[in-house]
Protein backbone atom coordinates (compact mmCIF):
# COMPACT_ATOMS: atom_id res chain seq x y z
CA UNK A 1 -165.34 51.97 -111.16
CA UNK A 2 -166.71 54.54 -113.01
CA UNK A 3 -169.50 53.98 -115.85
CA UNK A 4 -166.87 54.35 -118.73
CA UNK A 5 -164.74 51.60 -117.39
CA UNK A 6 -165.25 48.25 -117.82
CA UNK A 7 -165.08 45.95 -114.78
CA UNK A 8 -163.63 42.85 -116.78
CA UNK A 9 -159.51 42.64 -115.72
CA UNK A 10 -157.40 42.08 -118.27
CA UNK A 11 -155.01 39.02 -118.34
CA UNK A 12 -151.56 40.07 -117.75
CA UNK A 13 -150.95 37.89 -121.43
CA UNK A 14 -152.58 40.48 -123.04
CA UNK A 15 -151.60 43.72 -124.99
CA UNK A 16 -153.50 46.83 -124.67
CA UNK A 17 -155.81 45.96 -126.84
CA UNK A 18 -156.54 42.79 -124.95
CA UNK A 19 -155.83 40.81 -127.84
CA UNK A 20 -153.82 37.35 -126.31
CA UNK A 21 -149.77 37.77 -126.18
CA UNK A 22 -148.21 34.66 -127.73
CA UNK A 23 -145.82 33.21 -125.86
CA UNK A 24 -142.65 31.98 -127.34
CA UNK A 25 -139.24 30.11 -126.09
CA UNK A 26 -136.17 31.31 -127.14
CA UNK A 27 -134.56 29.14 -130.10
CA UNK A 28 -132.09 27.23 -127.80
CA UNK A 29 -128.57 26.84 -130.43
CA UNK A 30 -126.45 24.18 -129.52
CA UNK A 31 -122.74 23.05 -130.13
CA UNK A 32 -121.60 21.18 -133.10
CA UNK A 33 -119.15 19.85 -131.45
CA UNK A 34 -121.24 17.86 -128.60
CA UNK A 35 -125.08 18.56 -130.14
CA UNK A 36 -125.33 20.11 -126.69
CA UNK A 37 -128.22 23.02 -126.09
CA UNK A 38 -125.41 25.84 -125.90
CA UNK A 39 -126.34 29.11 -122.93
CA UNK A 40 -125.03 32.51 -123.25
CA UNK A 41 -122.28 32.20 -120.66
CA UNK A 42 -120.61 29.58 -122.37
CA UNK A 43 -121.10 30.14 -126.17
CA UNK A 44 -118.19 30.79 -128.82
CA UNK A 45 -118.93 31.71 -132.50
CA UNK A 46 -115.89 30.69 -134.97
CA UNK A 47 -116.80 30.30 -138.13
CA UNK A 48 -120.44 30.90 -138.57
CA UNK A 49 -120.56 27.77 -135.70
CA UNK A 50 -121.67 27.30 -132.01
CA UNK A 51 -119.15 25.73 -129.78
CA UNK A 52 -118.85 25.60 -126.27
CA UNK A 53 -116.07 27.41 -124.42
CA UNK A 54 -114.70 23.73 -123.86
CA UNK A 55 -115.53 21.99 -127.02
CA UNK A 56 -113.29 24.36 -128.82
CA UNK A 57 -110.82 22.17 -129.49
CA UNK A 58 -108.06 20.86 -131.93
CA UNK A 59 -109.61 18.39 -133.91
CA UNK A 60 -106.01 16.56 -133.98
CA UNK A 61 -104.43 17.28 -130.62
CA UNK A 62 -107.27 18.24 -128.43
CA UNK A 63 -106.20 20.78 -127.25
CA UNK A 64 -108.40 23.79 -125.87
CA UNK A 65 -108.41 26.55 -128.52
CA UNK A 66 -109.32 30.36 -128.53
CA UNK A 67 -110.46 32.80 -130.99
CA UNK A 68 -106.84 34.13 -131.84
CA UNK A 69 -105.03 30.44 -131.89
CA UNK A 70 -107.29 28.71 -134.21
CA UNK A 71 -107.17 28.07 -138.37
CA UNK A 72 -110.26 25.98 -139.65
CA UNK A 73 -111.13 23.52 -142.82
CA UNK A 74 -113.31 21.30 -143.91
CA UNK A 75 -115.51 22.13 -140.47
CA UNK A 76 -112.85 21.40 -138.74
CA UNK A 77 -110.91 23.50 -136.13
CA UNK A 78 -106.96 23.06 -135.26
CA UNK A 79 -104.43 24.33 -132.94
CA UNK A 80 -102.01 26.84 -135.54
CA UNK A 81 -99.16 24.63 -135.01
CA UNK A 82 -100.70 21.46 -136.11
CA UNK A 83 -102.90 23.29 -138.94
CA UNK A 84 -99.30 24.18 -140.70
CA UNK A 85 -98.07 20.57 -139.89
CA UNK A 86 -101.19 18.77 -141.76
CA UNK A 87 -100.70 21.09 -144.40
CA UNK A 88 -97.18 20.99 -144.46
CA UNK A 89 -97.27 17.37 -144.93
CA UNK A 90 -98.43 16.43 -148.07
CA UNK A 91 -97.72 20.18 -149.77
CA UNK A 92 -101.66 20.17 -149.96
CA UNK A 93 -104.98 21.11 -148.10
CA UNK A 94 -107.05 17.77 -149.35
CA UNK A 95 -103.58 14.98 -148.76
CA UNK A 96 -102.50 16.35 -145.47
CA UNK A 97 -105.86 16.39 -143.72
CA UNK A 98 -106.72 12.85 -144.74
CA UNK A 99 -109.33 14.19 -147.88
CA UNK A 100 -108.47 11.93 -151.24
CA UNK A 101 -106.72 14.77 -153.54
CA UNK A 102 -108.50 16.96 -155.64
CA UNK A 103 -106.39 16.17 -158.77
CA UNK A 104 -107.87 12.64 -157.72
CA UNK A 105 -111.63 13.58 -158.50
CA UNK A 106 -110.87 14.91 -161.93
CA UNK A 107 -109.25 11.50 -163.30
CA UNK A 108 -112.22 9.60 -161.85
CA UNK A 109 -114.57 12.36 -163.76
CA UNK A 110 -112.19 11.50 -167.30
CA UNK A 111 -112.23 7.66 -166.83
CA UNK A 112 -116.21 7.23 -166.38
CA UNK A 113 -116.91 9.28 -169.25
CA UNK A 114 -114.04 8.81 -171.69
CA UNK A 115 -116.03 10.11 -174.49
CA UNK A 116 -116.69 13.32 -173.30
CA UNK A 117 -112.64 14.18 -173.44
């Protein structure tokens, strides 16, 4: 070693200035269906939610879906035939998908506070 060089070795976990670098684990993403870790090769993102390719299935018939043949409502995904069938059953999104009709929510509000009407 020459005079100006130090004979201390830098750690492999340090930057050029000798400061130690912090090791950070990658953020693990979880599937919204099974709640297990999703790795990059099995990852599918639909409606800003992460799924395993195999977990991306119709909530009604359990058919495997793809990004071109699904529809979504209330954080559930459906195959397009069942989405249309459930919508047509009652003529609106709420009743067809097992939710209270939106008009009932207004009726409840009116009966609870009749003085405000």
